[in-house]
Amino acid sequence: MKLRAPLAALCLLSLCSLSASGGKTLNVKVGYVTPLSEIDAAKAAGFDYLELRTAEVAGLPDADYEKLVEKIKHLGIPAPVSNNFIPASIKLTGPAIDKDQQMNYVRKAFDRVSKLGVQIIVFGSGDARRVPEGFSKEEAFRQLVEFCRRIAPEARARKITIAIEPLRRQESNIINTAGEGLELVKAVNDPDIQLMVDFYHLAFEKEDPAIIIRAKDHIRHLHMANPEGRVFPLKWEEYNYAPFFENLRRIGYDKRISVEAKAVDFTKDAPQAIALLRKAFTQ
């Protein structure tokens, strides 16, 4: 039996929609990039998880760290992600890098965050990776590749994946776009060195959201903010979010997205941002 044209078109559209999302509802978790001072507020606001600051956790005195472990346990909210990986005092590029210093810090940081349940560490660290003036960008890129290859086995041993974060040019002078981040991931060629995409940086660099499609096999995490002021995203019409989320739905992205932004009124803005982002993956 032949389908009438409108009905056939409707069926085709439904099949395409199912194909774009892998035929399932995308259950993306919404978290908050938070300093330790705001973890109680993040839970109260309704976020699904915490994204902690790696360097802050690594820098705690032992007694304070153990208190944090207990606090996270009693709060009952997971902390599967951390960012702010390498502090500015530890250089990753340039003529004066110290590999022993790098690895001593990395091992301590990995041990501490893994005990908190961290599975993804976002590798932005703009000041640490900033290329010194007059130093070769090509050599700096090679240094980053070599650093990632050195830390990958340490991450793997603790069941951690490192997610490279491209940063806008004001925050780093190397790896500024998701496309460049993808190049670094491919150059390292290790399953535990992958990619994250921050919508704020993508929009600031005017990068085509189609990079989501090209990088689909490597995207492990997302950050979100309204680029107009780097504030909490609150309304669909406040910015052109549609192409970004359309591509995420196309690839069936079903992991996590963290709000990394300022709030005018946290208790009011946070639930609104959570609702907006959950809806963005179901439209």
C-alpha atoms as a PDB file:
ATOM      1  CA  MET A   1       0.000   0.000   0.000  1.00  0.00           C
ATOM      2  CA  LYS A   2       1.356   3.418  -0.978  1.00  0.00           C
ATOM      3  CA  LEU A   3       1.568   6.184   1.638  1.00  0.00           C
ATOM      4  CA  ARG A   4       0.065   9.521   0.801  1.00  0.00           C
ATOM      5  CA  ALA A   5       2.717  12.210   0.331  1.00  0.00           C
ATOM      6  CA  PRO A   6       2.109  14.137   3.593  1.00  0.00           C
ATOM      7  CA  LEU A   7       2.046  10.917   5.608  1.00  0.00           C
ATOM      8  CA  ALA A   8       5.178   9.617   3.888  1.00  0.00           C
ATOM      9  CA  ALA A   9       6.955  12.886   4.633  1.00  0.00           C
ATOM     10  CA  LEU A  10       5.896  12.703   8.279  1.00  0.00           C
ATOM     11  CA  CYS A  11       7.175   9.141   8.588  1.00  0.00           C
ATOM     12  CA  LEU A  12      10.494  10.121   7.015  1.00  0.00           C
ATOM     13  CA  LEU A  13      10.843  13.061   9.406  1.00  0.00           C
ATOM     14  CA  SER A  14      10.199  10.781  12.380  1.00  0.00           C
ATOM     15  CA  LEU A  15      12.811   8.291  11.179  1.00  0.00           C
ATOM     16  CA  CYS A  16      15.353  11.077  10.707  1.00  0.00           C
ATOM     17  CA  SER A  17      14.652  12.381  14.202  1.00  0.00           C
ATOM     18  CA  LEU A  18      15.177   8.949  15.694  1.00  0.00           C
ATOM     19  CA  SER A  19      18.372   8.481  13.714  1.00  0.00           C
ATOM     20  CA  ALA A  20      19.756  11.878  14.781  1.00  0.00           C
ATOM     21  CA  SER A  21      19.504  11.043  18.479  1.00  0.00           C
ATOM     22  CA  GLY A  22      20.319   7.376  18.179  1.00  0.00           C
ATOM     23  CA  GLY A  23      16.654   6.476  18.757  1.00  0.00           C
ATOM     24  CA  LYS A  24      16.711   7.319  22.475  1.00  0.00           C
ATOM     25  CA  THR A  25      15.994  10.157  24.852  1.00  0.00           C
ATOM     26  CA  LEU A  26      19.188  12.064  25.657  1.00  0.00           C
ATOM     27  CA  ASN A  27      19.599  12.045  29.428  1.00  0.00           C
ATOM     28  CA  VAL A  28      22.275  14.726  29.790  1.00  0.00           C
ATOM     29  CA  LYS A  29      23.279  15.672  33.343  1.00  0.00           C
ATOM     30  CA  VAL A  30      23.598  19.367  34.224  1.00  0.00           C
ATOM     31  CA  GLY A  31      26.350  20.388  36.658  1.00  0.00           C
ATOM     32  CA  TYR A  32      28.014  23.487  38.038  1.00  0.00           C
ATOM     33  CA  VAL A  33      31.669  24.542  37.922  1.00  0.00           C
ATOM     34  CA  THR A  34      32.116  25.500  41.537  1.00  0.00           C
ATOM     35  CA  PRO A  35      34.723  26.571  44.055  1.00  0.00           C
ATOM     36  CA  LEU A  36      34.632  24.559  47.254  1.00  0.00           C
ATOM     37  CA  SER A  37      32.923  27.463  49.016  1.00  0.00           C
ATOM     38  CA  GLU A  38      29.787  27.025  46.868  1.00  0.00           C
ATOM     39  CA  ILE A  39      29.206  23.278  46.815  1.00  0.00           C
ATOM     40  CA  ASP A  40      26.323  23.431  49.316  1.00  0.00           C
ATOM     41  CA  ALA A  41      24.585  26.092  47.216  1.00  0.00           C
ATOM     42  CA  ALA A  42      25.096  24.009  44.049  1.00  0.00           C
ATOM     43  CA  LYS A  43      23.345  21.030  45.590  1.00  0.00           C
ATOM     44  CA  ALA A  44      20.515  23.173  46.986  1.00  0.00           C
ATOM     45  CA  ALA A  45      19.965  24.705  43.530  1.00  0.00           C
ATOM     46  CA  GLY A  46      19.280  21.279  42.014  1.00  0.00           C
ATOM     47  CA  PHE A  47      22.389  20.617  39.926  1.00  0.00           C
ATOM     48  CA  ASP A  48      22.987  16.955  39.104  1.00  0.00           C
ATOM     49  CA  TYR A  49      26.692  17.056  39.951  1.00  0.00           C
ATOM     50  CA  LEU A  50      29.623  19.232  40.973  1.00  0.00           C
ATOM     51  CA  GLU A  51      32.575  20.164  38.783  1.00  0.00           C
ATOM     52  CA  LEU A  52      35.373  20.987  41.209  1.00  0.00           C
ATOM     53  CA  ARG A  53      38.631  22.851  40.681  1.00  0.00           C
ATOM     54  CA  THR A  54      41.488  20.367  40.486  1.00  0.00           C
ATOM     55  CA  ALA A  55      44.191  22.788  41.599  1.00  0.00           C
ATOM     56  CA  GLU A  56      42.095  23.918  44.573  1.00  0.00           C
ATOM     57  CA  VAL A  57      41.600  20.324  45.703  1.00  0.00           C
ATOM     58  CA  ALA A  58      45.273  19.456  45.143  1.00  0.00           C
ATOM     59  CA  GLY A  59      46.386  22.497  47.158  1.00  0.00           C
ATOM     60  CA  LEU A  60      44.428  21.684  50.321  1.00  0.00           C
ATOM     61  CA  PRO A  61      46.304  20.695  53.474  1.00  0.00           C
ATOM     62  CA  ASP A  62      45.835  16.992  54.173  1.00  0.00           C
ATOM     63  CA  ALA A  63      43.391  17.543  57.052  1.00  0.00           C
ATOM     64  CA  ASP A  64      41.211  19.858  54.977  1.00  0.00           C
ATOM     65  CA  TYR A  65      41.243  17.428  52.088  1.00  0.00           C
ATOM     66  CA  GLU A  66      39.999  14.595  54.299  1.00  0.00           C
ATOM     67  CA  LYS A  67      37.200  16.875  55.553  1.00  0.00           C
ATOM     68  CA  LEU A  68      36.269  17.554  51.918  1.00  0.00           C
ATOM     69  CA  VAL A  69      36.093  13.827  51.180  1.00  0.00           C
ATOM     70  CA  GLU A  70      33.653  13.390  54.051  1.00  0.00           C
ATOM     71  CA  LYS A  71      31.624  16.448  53.105  1.00  0.00           C
ATOM     72  CA  ILE A  72      31.143  15.321  49.495  1.00  0.00           C
ATOM     73  CA  LYS A  73      30.114  11.887  50.775  1.00  0.00           C
ATOM     74  CA  HIS A  74      27.508  13.328  53.149  1.00  0.00           C
ATOM     75  CA  LEU A  75      26.183  15.871  50.649  1.00  0.00           C
ATOM     76  CA  GLY A  76      25.029  13.055  48.424  1.00  0.00           C
ATOM     77  CA  ILE A  77      25.879  14.814  45.166  1.00  0.00           C
ATOM     78  CA  PRO A  78      28.527  13.318  42.856  1.00  0.00           C
ATOM     79  CA  ALA A  79      31.667  15.116  41.689  1.00  0.00           C
ATOM     80  CA  PRO A  80      32.517  13.245  38.458  1.00  0.00           C
ATOM     81  CA  VAL A  81      34.302  16.171  36.780  1.00  0.00           C
ATOM     82  CA  SER A  82      36.986  18.675  37.721  1.00  0.00           C
ATOM     83  CA  ASN A  83      38.601  21.521  35.793  1.00  0.00           C
ATOM     84  CA  ASN A  84      41.325  24.130  36.499  1.00  0.00           C
ATOM     85  CA  PHE A  85      43.839  21.312  36.064  1.00  0.00           C
ATOM     86  CA  ILE A  86      47.363  22.763  36.091  1.00  0.00           C
ATOM     87  CA  PRO A  87      48.175  25.889  38.165  1.00  0.00           C
ATOM     88  CA  ALA A  88      49.922  28.852  36.519  1.00  0.00           C
ATOM     89  CA  SER A  89      53.086  28.162  38.526  1.00  0.00           C
ATOM     90  CA  ILE A  90      53.704  24.918  36.606  1.00  0.00           C
ATOM     91  CA  LYS A  91      54.682  25.662  33.016  1.00  0.00           C
ATOM     92  CA  LEU A  92      53.871  23.246  30.210  1.00  0.00           C
ATOM     93  CA  THR A  93      55.462  25.091  27.293  1.00  0.00           C
ATOM     94  CA  GLY A  94      58.625  27.083  26.806  1.00  0.00           C
ATOM     95  CA  PRO A  95      62.347  26.643  27.448  1.00  0.00           C
ATOM     96  CA  ALA A  96      62.100  26.146  31.219  1.00  0.00           C
ATOM     97  CA  ILE A  97      59.592  23.350  31.776  1.00  0.00           C
ATOM     98  CA  ASP A  98      60.274  20.996  34.678  1.00  0.00           C
ATOM     99  CA  LYS A  99      58.968  17.505  33.927  1.00  0.00           C
ATOM    100  CA  ASP A 100      59.538  16.235  37.472  1.00  0.00           C
ATOM    101  CA  GLN A 101      57.552  19.161  38.885  1.00  0.00           C
ATOM    102  CA  GLN A 102      54.788  18.501  36.388  1.00  0.00           C
ATOM    103  CA  MET A 103      54.504  14.813  37.196  1.00  0.00           C
ATOM    104  CA  ASN A 104      54.725  15.220  40.978  1.00  0.00           C
ATOM    105  CA  TYR A 105      51.802  17.635  40.835  1.00  0.00           C
ATOM    106  CA  VAL A 106      49.810  15.537  38.364  1.00  0.00           C
ATOM    107  CA  ARG A 107      50.083  12.363  40.454  1.00  0.00           C
ATOM    108  CA  LYS A 108      48.980  14.162  43.616  1.00  0.00           C
ATOM    109  CA  ALA A 109      46.092  15.854  41.805  1.00  0.00           C
ATOM    110  CA  PHE A 110      44.966  12.588  40.186  1.00  0.00           C
ATOM    111  CA  ASP A 111      45.095  10.732  43.497  1.00  0.00           C
ATOM    112  CA  ARG A 112      43.031  13.373  45.256  1.00  0.00           C
ATOM    113  CA  VAL A 113      40.291  13.973  42.704  1.00  0.00           C
ATOM    114  CA  SER A 114      39.916  10.273  41.875  1.00  0.00           C
ATOM    115  CA  LYS A 115      39.155   9.616  45.537  1.00  0.00           C
ATOM    116  CA  LEU A 116      36.316  12.139  45.194  1.00  0.00           C
ATOM    117  CA  GLY A 117      34.895  10.207  42.244  1.00  0.00           C
ATOM    118  CA  VAL A 118      36.245  12.357  39.398  1.00  0.00           C
ATOM    119  CA  GLN A 119      36.212  10.592  36.029  1.00  0.00           C
ATOM    120  CA  ILE A 120      36.870  13.573  33.713  1.00  0.00           C
ATOM    121  CA  ILE A 121      39.491  16.281  34.214  1.00  0.00           C
ATOM    122  CA  VAL A 122      39.106  19.318  31.972  1.00  0.00           C
ATOM    123  CA  PHE A 123      42.484  20.511  30.693  1.00  0.00           C
ATOM    124  CA  GLY A 124      42.208  24.237  30.038  1.00  0.00           C
ATOM    125  CA  SER A 125      44.970  25.756  32.200  1.00  0.00           C
ATOM    126  CA  GLY A 126      45.564  28.756  29.943  1.00  0.00           C
ATOM    127  CA  ASP A 127      48.375  30.290  31.991  1.00  0.00           C
ATOM    128  CA  ALA A 128      50.205  26.978  32.381  1.00  0.00           C
ATOM    129  CA  ARG A 129      50.149  26.216  28.668  1.00  0.00           C
ATOM    130  CA  ARG A 130      50.682  29.798  27.459  1.00  0.00           C
ATOM    131  CA  VAL A 131      53.564  29.939  24.980  1.00  0.00           C
ATOM    132  CA  PRO A 132      56.293  32.393  26.052  1.00  0.00           C
ATOM    133  CA  GLU A 133      57.000  35.270  23.694  1.00  0.00           C
ATOM    134  CA  GLY A 134      59.547  34.309  21.056  1.00  0.00           C
ATOM    135  CA  PHE A 135      59.135  30.575  21.657  1.00  0.00           C
ATOM    136  CA  SER A 136      58.145  28.381  18.708  1.00  0.00           C
ATOM    137  CA  LYS A 137      54.417  27.546  18.595  1.00  0.00           C
ATOM    138  CA  GLU A 138      55.261  24.303  16.798  1.00  0.00           C
ATOM    139  CA  GLU A 139      57.630  23.285  19.583  1.00  0.00           C
ATOM    140  CA  ALA A 140      55.046  24.301  22.211  1.00  0.00           C
ATOM    141  CA  PHE A 141      52.477  22.081  20.509  1.00  0.00           C
ATOM    142  CA  ARG A 142      54.959  19.193  20.593  1.00  0.00           C
ATOM    143  CA  GLN A 143      55.515  19.843  24.303  1.00  0.00           C
ATOM    144  CA  LEU A 144      51.770  19.624  24.935  1.00  0.00           C
ATOM    145  CA  VAL A 145      51.559  16.379  22.972  1.00  0.00           C
ATOM    146  CA  GLU A 146      54.446  14.925  24.960  1.00  0.00           C
ATOM    147  CA  PHE A 147      52.934  16.102  28.274  1.00  0.00           C
ATOM    148  CA  CYS A 148      49.597  14.497  27.430  1.00  0.00           C
ATOM    149  CA  ARG A 149      51.284  11.237  26.479  1.00  0.00           C
ATOM    150  CA  ARG A 150      53.178  11.229  29.785  1.00  0.00           C
ATOM    151  CA  ILE A 151      50.105  11.829  31.933  1.00  0.00           C
ATOM    152  CA  ALA A 152      47.733   9.503  30.042  1.00  0.00           C
ATOM    153  CA  PRO A 153      48.936   6.261  31.720  1.00  0.00           C
ATOM    154  CA  GLU A 154      48.678   7.969  35.129  1.00  0.00           C
ATOM    155  CA  ALA A 155      45.111   9.031  34.320  1.00  0.00           C
ATOM    156  CA  ARG A 156      44.207   5.585  32.989  1.00  0.00           C
ATOM    157  CA  ALA A 157      45.475   3.907  36.167  1.00  0.00           C
ATOM    158  CA  ARG A 158      42.942   5.991  38.121  1.00  0.00           C
ATOM    159  CA  LYS A 159      40.122   5.593  35.563  1.00  0.00           C
ATOM    160  CA  ILE A 160      40.314   9.270  34.590  1.00  0.00           C
ATOM    161  CA  THR A 161      39.950  10.772  31.115  1.00  0.00           C
ATOM    162  CA  ILE A 162      41.616  14.107  30.314  1.00  0.00           C
ATOM    163  CA  ALA A 163      39.436  16.396  28.196  1.00  0.00           C
ATOM    164  CA  ILE A 164      41.335  19.112  26.310  1.00  0.00           C
ATOM    165  CA  GLU A 165      39.587  22.496  26.588  1.00  0.00           C
ATOM    166  CA  PRO A 166      40.093  25.056  23.807  1.00  0.00           C
ATOM    167  CA  LEU A 167      40.260  28.572  25.271  1.00  0.00           C
ATOM    168  CA  ARG A 168      39.611  31.950  23.627  1.00  0.00           C
ATOM    169  CA  ARG A 169      42.690  33.947  22.648  1.00  0.00           C
ATOM    170  CA  GLN A 170      42.390  36.237  25.676  1.00  0.00           C
ATOM    171  CA  GLU A 171      42.980  33.228  27.942  1.00  0.00           C
ATOM    172  CA  SER A 172      45.547  31.234  25.976  1.00  0.00           C
ATOM    173  CA  ASN A 173      47.710  31.719  22.901  1.00  0.00           C
ATOM    174  CA  ILE A 174      47.571  28.055  21.900  1.00  0.00           C
ATOM    175  CA  ILE A 175      44.616  25.671  21.283  1.00  0.00           C
ATOM    176  CA  ASN A 176      41.932  28.341  20.853  1.00  0.00           C
ATOM    177  CA  THR A 177      39.289  26.433  18.894  1.00  0.00           C
ATOM    178  CA  ALA A 178      37.657  23.034  19.130  1.00  0.00           C
ATOM    179  CA  GLY A 179      39.216  22.271  15.761  1.00  0.00           C
ATOM    180  CA  GLU A 180      42.682  22.911  17.207  1.00  0.00           C
ATOM    181  CA  GLY A 181      41.783  20.885  20.298  1.00  0.00           C
ATOM    182  CA  LEU A 182      40.801  18.025  18.025  1.00  0.00           C
ATOM    183  CA  GLU A 183      44.196  18.258  16.305  1.00  0.00           C
ATOM    184  CA  LEU A 184      45.911  17.930  19.685  1.00  0.00           C
ATOM    185  CA  VAL A 185      43.754  14.942  20.647  1.00  0.00           C
ATOM    186  CA  LYS A 186      44.589  13.207  17.370  1.00  0.00           C
ATOM    187  CA  ALA A 187      48.294  14.014  17.693  1.00  0.00           C
ATOM    188  CA  VAL A 188      48.403  12.479  21.190  1.00  0.00           C
ATOM    189  CA  ASN A 189      46.419   9.453  19.961  1.00  0.00           C
ATOM    190  CA  ASP A 190      45.537   8.031  23.360  1.00  0.00           C
ATOM    191  CA  PRO A 191      42.039   6.864  24.398  1.00  0.00           C
ATOM    192  CA  ASP A 192      42.250   8.771  27.676  1.00  0.00           C
ATOM    193  CA  ILE A 193      43.087  12.124  26.078  1.00  0.00           C
ATOM    194  CA  GLN A 194      39.889  13.477  24.564  1.00  0.00           C
ATOM    195  CA  LEU A 195      38.046  16.771  23.921  1.00  0.00           C
ATOM    196  CA  MET A 196      35.635  19.068  25.677  1.00  0.00           C
ATOM    197  CA  VAL A 197      33.787  22.002  24.098  1.00  0.00           C
ATOM    198  CA  ASP A 198      32.943  25.210  25.936  1.00  0.00           C
ATOM    199  CA  PHE A 199      30.137  27.120  24.210  1.00  0.00           C
ATOM    200  CA  TYR A 200      31.433  30.445  25.539  1.00  0.00           C
ATOM    201  CA  HIS A 201      34.838  29.993  23.912  1.00  0.00           C
ATOM    202  CA  LEU A 202      33.336  28.548  20.730  1.00  0.00           C
ATOM    203  CA  ALA A 203      31.041  31.565  20.351  1.00  0.00           C
ATOM    204  CA  PHE A 204      33.770  34.066  21.247  1.00  0.00           C
ATOM    205  CA  GLU A 205      36.081  32.601  18.599  1.00  0.00           C
ATOM    206  CA  LYS A 206      33.159  32.550  16.125  1.00  0.00           C
ATOM    207  CA  GLU A 207      33.768  28.867  15.468  1.00  0.00           C
ATOM    208  CA  ASP A 208      31.219  27.016  13.371  1.00  0.00           C
ATOM    209  CA  PRO A 209      29.134  24.701  15.634  1.00  0.00           C
ATOM    210  CA  ALA A 210      29.511  22.095  12.874  1.00  0.00           C
ATOM    211  CA  ILE A 211      32.771  21.181  14.641  1.00  0.00           C
ATOM    212  CA  ILE A 212      30.510  19.141  16.950  1.00  0.00           C
ATOM    213  CA  ILE A 213      29.778  16.789  14.070  1.00  0.00           C
ATOM    214  CA  ARG A 214      33.415  16.517  13.022  1.00  0.00           C
ATOM    215  CA  ALA A 215      34.614  15.898  16.596  1.00  0.00           C
ATOM    216  CA  LYS A 216      31.724  13.655  17.648  1.00  0.00           C
ATOM    217  CA  ASP A 217      33.859  10.617  18.444  1.00  0.00           C
ATOM    218  CA  HIS A 218      36.062  12.593  20.846  1.00  0.00           C
ATOM    219  CA  ILE A 219      33.739  14.934  22.774  1.00  0.00           C
ATOM    220  CA  ARG A 220      33.553  13.860  26.412  1.00  0.00           C
ATOM    221  CA  HIS A 221      32.290  16.986  28.186  1.00  0.00           C
ATOM    222  CA  LEU A 222      30.737  20.444  27.714  1.00  0.00           C
ATOM    223  CA  HIS A 223      30.758  23.844  29.415  1.00  0.00           C
ATOM    224  CA  MET A 224      27.993  26.389  29.008  1.00  0.00           C
ATOM    225  CA  ALA A 225      27.457  30.125  29.502  1.00  0.00           C
ATOM    226  CA  ASN A 226      25.605  32.926  27.790  1.00  0.00           C
ATOM    227  CA  PRO A 227      28.430  34.629  25.840  1.00  0.00           C
ATOM    228  CA  GLU A 228      26.796  38.007  26.469  1.00  0.00           C
ATOM    229  CA  GLY A 229      28.517  38.664  29.792  1.00  0.00           C
ATOM    230  CA  ARG A 230      29.478  35.038  30.522  1.00  0.00           C
ATOM    231  CA  VAL A 231      26.386  34.710  32.692  1.00  0.00           C
ATOM    232  CA  PHE A 232      23.971  31.851  33.344  1.00  0.00           C
ATOM    233  CA  PRO A 233      21.975  30.879  30.239  1.00  0.00           C
ATOM    234  CA  LEU A 234      18.356  31.620  31.125  1.00  0.00           C
ATOM    235  CA  LYS A 235      16.233  31.989  27.986  1.00  0.00           C
ATOM    236  CA  TRP A 236      16.365  30.267  24.607  1.00  0.00           C
ATOM    237  CA  GLU A 237      15.900  33.558  22.736  1.00  0.00           C
ATOM    238  CA  GLU A 238      18.720  35.439  24.528  1.00  0.00           C
ATOM    239  CA  TYR A 239      21.386  33.997  22.185  1.00  0.00           C
ATOM    240  CA  ASN A 240      21.607  31.772  19.112  1.00  0.00           C
ATOM    241  CA  TYR A 241      22.032  28.488  20.978  1.00  0.00           C
ATOM    242  CA  ALA A 242      20.059  26.415  18.470  1.00  0.00           C
ATOM    243  CA  PRO A 243      22.823  25.250  16.048  1.00  0.00           C
ATOM    244  CA  PHE A 244      25.046  24.099  18.922  1.00  0.00           C
ATOM    245  CA  PHE A 245      22.365  21.979  20.577  1.00  0.00           C
ATOM    246  CA  GLU A 246      20.971  20.754  17.266  1.00  0.00           C
ATOM    247  CA  ASN A 247      24.372  19.270  16.448  1.00  0.00           C
ATOM    248  CA  LEU A 248      24.703  17.768  19.919  1.00  0.00           C
ATOM    249  CA  ARG A 249      21.333  16.079  19.461  1.00  0.00           C
ATOM    250  CA  ARG A 250      22.418  14.890  16.001  1.00  0.00           C
ATOM    251  CA  ILE A 251      25.437  13.072  17.424  1.00  0.00           C
ATOM    252  CA  GLY A 252      23.394  11.679  20.319  1.00  0.00           C
ATOM    253  CA  TYR A 253      25.464  13.427  23.001  1.00  0.00           C
ATOM    254  CA  ASP A 254      24.278  11.971  26.320  1.00  0.00           C
ATOM    255  CA  LYS A 255      26.976  12.835  28.855  1.00  0.00           C
ATOM    256  CA  ARG A 256      27.275  16.017  30.933  1.00  0.00           C
ATOM    257  CA  ILE A 257      27.161  19.790  30.547  1.00  0.00           C
ATOM    258  CA  SER A 258      28.461  22.149  33.258  1.00  0.00           C
ATOM    259  CA  VAL A 259      27.416  25.746  33.746  1.00  0.00           C
ATOM    260  CA  GLU A 260      30.566  27.858  34.039  1.00  0.00           C
ATOM    261  CA  ALA A 261      29.203  31.366  34.435  1.00  0.00           C
ATOM    262  CA  LYS A 262      28.340  34.252  36.731  1.00  0.00           C
ATOM    263  CA  ALA A 263      24.885  34.537  38.272  1.00  0.00           C
ATOM    264  CA  VAL A 264      23.032  37.740  39.008  1.00  0.00           C
ATOM    265  CA  ASP A 265      20.907  35.888  41.574  1.00  0.00           C
ATOM    266  CA  PHE A 266      22.217  32.351  42.040  1.00  0.00           C
ATOM    267  CA  THR A 267      19.187  30.903  43.828  1.00  0.00           C
ATOM    268  CA  LYS A 268      16.919  32.183  41.050  1.00  0.00           C
ATOM    269  CA  ASP A 269      19.194  31.789  38.026  1.00  0.00           C
ATOM    270  CA  ALA A 270      20.497  28.275  38.717  1.00  0.00           C
ATOM    271  CA  PRO A 271      17.155  26.389  38.523  1.00  0.00           C
ATOM    272  CA  GLN A 272      16.216  28.373  35.414  1.00  0.00           C
ATOM    273  CA  ALA A 273      19.517  27.496  33.708  1.00  0.00           C
ATOM    274  CA  ILE A 274      19.141  23.834  34.649  1.00  0.00           C
ATOM    275  CA  ALA A 275      15.646  23.719  33.146  1.00  0.00           C
ATOM    276  CA  LEU A 276      16.796  25.484  29.963  1.00  0.00           C
ATOM    277  CA  LEU A 277      19.674  23.073  29.383  1.00  0.00           C
ATOM    278  CA  ARG A 278      17.588  19.983  30.021  1.00  0.00           C
ATOM    279  CA  LYS A 279      15.014  21.238  27.541  1.00  0.00           C
ATOM    280  CA  ALA A 280      17.745  22.030  24.992  1.00  0.00           C
ATOM    281  CA  PHE A 281      18.480  18.322  24.632  1.00  0.00           C
ATOM    282  CA  THR A 282      14.819  17.372  24.120  1.00  0.00           C
ATOM    283  CA  GLN A 283      13.600  20.010  21.615  1.00  0.00           C
END
